[in-house]
Protein backbone atom coordinates (compact mmCIF):
# COMPACT_ATOMS: atom_id res chain seq x y z
CA MET A 1 12.41 -4.34 97.23
CA VAL A 2 15.07 -5.93 95.07
CA ILE A 3 14.37 -5.82 91.37
CA THR A 4 16.12 -8.53 89.37
CA CYS A 5 18.03 -7.92 86.15
CA LEU A 6 15.22 -9.57 84.16
CA VAL A 7 12.66 -7.17 85.62
CA TRP A 8 14.87 -4.19 84.69
CA GLU A 9 15.12 -5.56 81.16
CA ILE A 10 11.33 -5.74 80.86
CA LEU A 11 10.86 -2.29 82.37
CA SER A 12 13.36 -0.91 79.87
CA PHE A 13 11.55 -2.72 77.03
CA MET A 14 8.29 -1.13 78.17
CA GLN A 15 9.58 2.44 77.87
CA GLY A 16 8.26 2.52 74.30
CA LYS A 17 5.10 4.63 74.12
CA THR A 18 3.24 2.22 71.84
CA ARG A 19 3.98 -0.89 73.91
CA ARG A 20 2.88 0.80 77.10
CA SER A 21 -0.30 2.30 75.64
CA VAL A 22 -1.25 -1.07 74.10
CA LEU A 23 -0.76 -2.85 77.43
CA GLU A 24 -2.68 -0.14 79.30
CA SER A 25 -5.60 -0.42 76.87
CA LEU A 26 -5.87 -4.12 77.70
CA GLU A 27 -6.18 -3.38 81.42
CA LYS A 28 -9.80 -2.44 80.76
CA GLY A 29 -10.56 -5.80 79.17
CA PRO A 30 -9.85 -7.98 76.12
CA ARG A 31 -9.62 -6.11 72.80
CA THR A 32 -8.90 -6.59 69.10
CA PRO A 33 -5.97 -4.81 67.45
CA SER A 34 -8.36 -2.43 65.64
CA ILE A 35 -10.05 -1.40 68.88
CA ILE A 36 -6.67 -0.92 70.56
CA ALA A 37 -5.50 1.26 67.65
CA GLY A 38 -8.62 3.39 67.98
CA MET A 39 -8.22 3.71 71.75
CA THR A 40 -4.52 4.58 71.64
CA GLY A 41 -4.37 6.64 68.45
CA GLU A 42 -1.55 4.41 67.21
CA HIS A 43 -1.39 3.06 63.65
CA LEU A 44 -2.61 -0.53 63.32
CA PRO A 45 0.75 -1.92 62.08
CA HIS A 46 2.46 -0.41 65.15
CA VAL A 47 -0.18 -1.93 67.43
CA SER A 48 0.20 -5.32 65.75
CA ARG A 49 3.97 -5.25 66.20
CA ALA A 50 3.60 -4.21 69.85
CA LEU A 51 1.08 -7.02 70.46
CA SER A 52 3.52 -9.53 69.03
CA GLU A 53 6.41 -8.22 71.13
CA LEU A 54 4.34 -8.05 74.32
CA SER A 55 3.03 -11.55 73.71
CA GLU A 56 6.59 -12.88 73.32
CA LYS A 57 7.47 -11.36 76.72
CA GLY A 58 4.43 -12.99 78.37
CA LEU A 59 2.75 -9.67 79.18
CA LEU A 60 -0.37 -10.45 77.20
CA GLN A 61 -1.92 -13.39 75.44
CA CYS A 62 -4.04 -13.98 72.39
CA MET A 63 -7.34 -15.57 73.33
CA THR A 64 -8.11 -16.54 69.71
CA PRO A 65 -4.77 -17.73 68.26
CA ASN A 66 -6.39 -19.77 65.49
CA SER A 67 -8.22 -16.76 64.03
CA SER A 68 -6.57 -15.07 61.09
CA LYS A 69 -8.47 -11.80 61.68
CA ASN A 70 -9.93 -9.98 64.67
CA ARG A 71 -7.80 -11.78 67.22
CA ILE A 72 -8.66 -10.92 70.79
CA TYR A 73 -5.88 -10.10 73.25
CA MET A 74 -5.88 -9.86 77.03
CA ILE A 75 -3.32 -8.74 79.60
CA THR A 76 -1.67 -11.38 81.78
CA GLU A 77 -1.00 -11.14 85.49
CA GLU A 78 2.67 -10.52 84.64
CA GLY A 79 1.58 -7.64 82.40
CA ARG A 80 -0.39 -6.12 85.27
CA LYS A 81 2.64 -6.38 87.54
CA VAL A 82 4.85 -4.67 84.96
CA LEU A 83 2.36 -1.80 84.58
CA GLY A 84 2.29 -1.42 88.36
CA GLU A 85 6.09 -1.17 88.47
CA LEU A 86 6.10 1.34 85.59
CA ARG A 87 3.60 3.50 87.43
CA LYS A 88 5.78 3.46 90.55
CA MET A 89 8.62 4.79 88.39
CA ASP A 90 6.55 7.66 86.93
């Protein structure tokens, strides 16, 4: 299988522990940042930053973008593919 340069860039981006654990927590279903922080053991500001970065890359999406608090995030199909590739590399 040929992996494009863009895919390598995303896989490299995902090497961060917080980004990966946030994305993995969303595999089980939509979550709020507070729930993700509790599940992953990461500090809420780190989770919030990771959610923003992952969203910019198209790996997750906010289901409630107009809410100022308790936004709900879900993984995208692209996010699932990236996790699958990361697991192959482990």
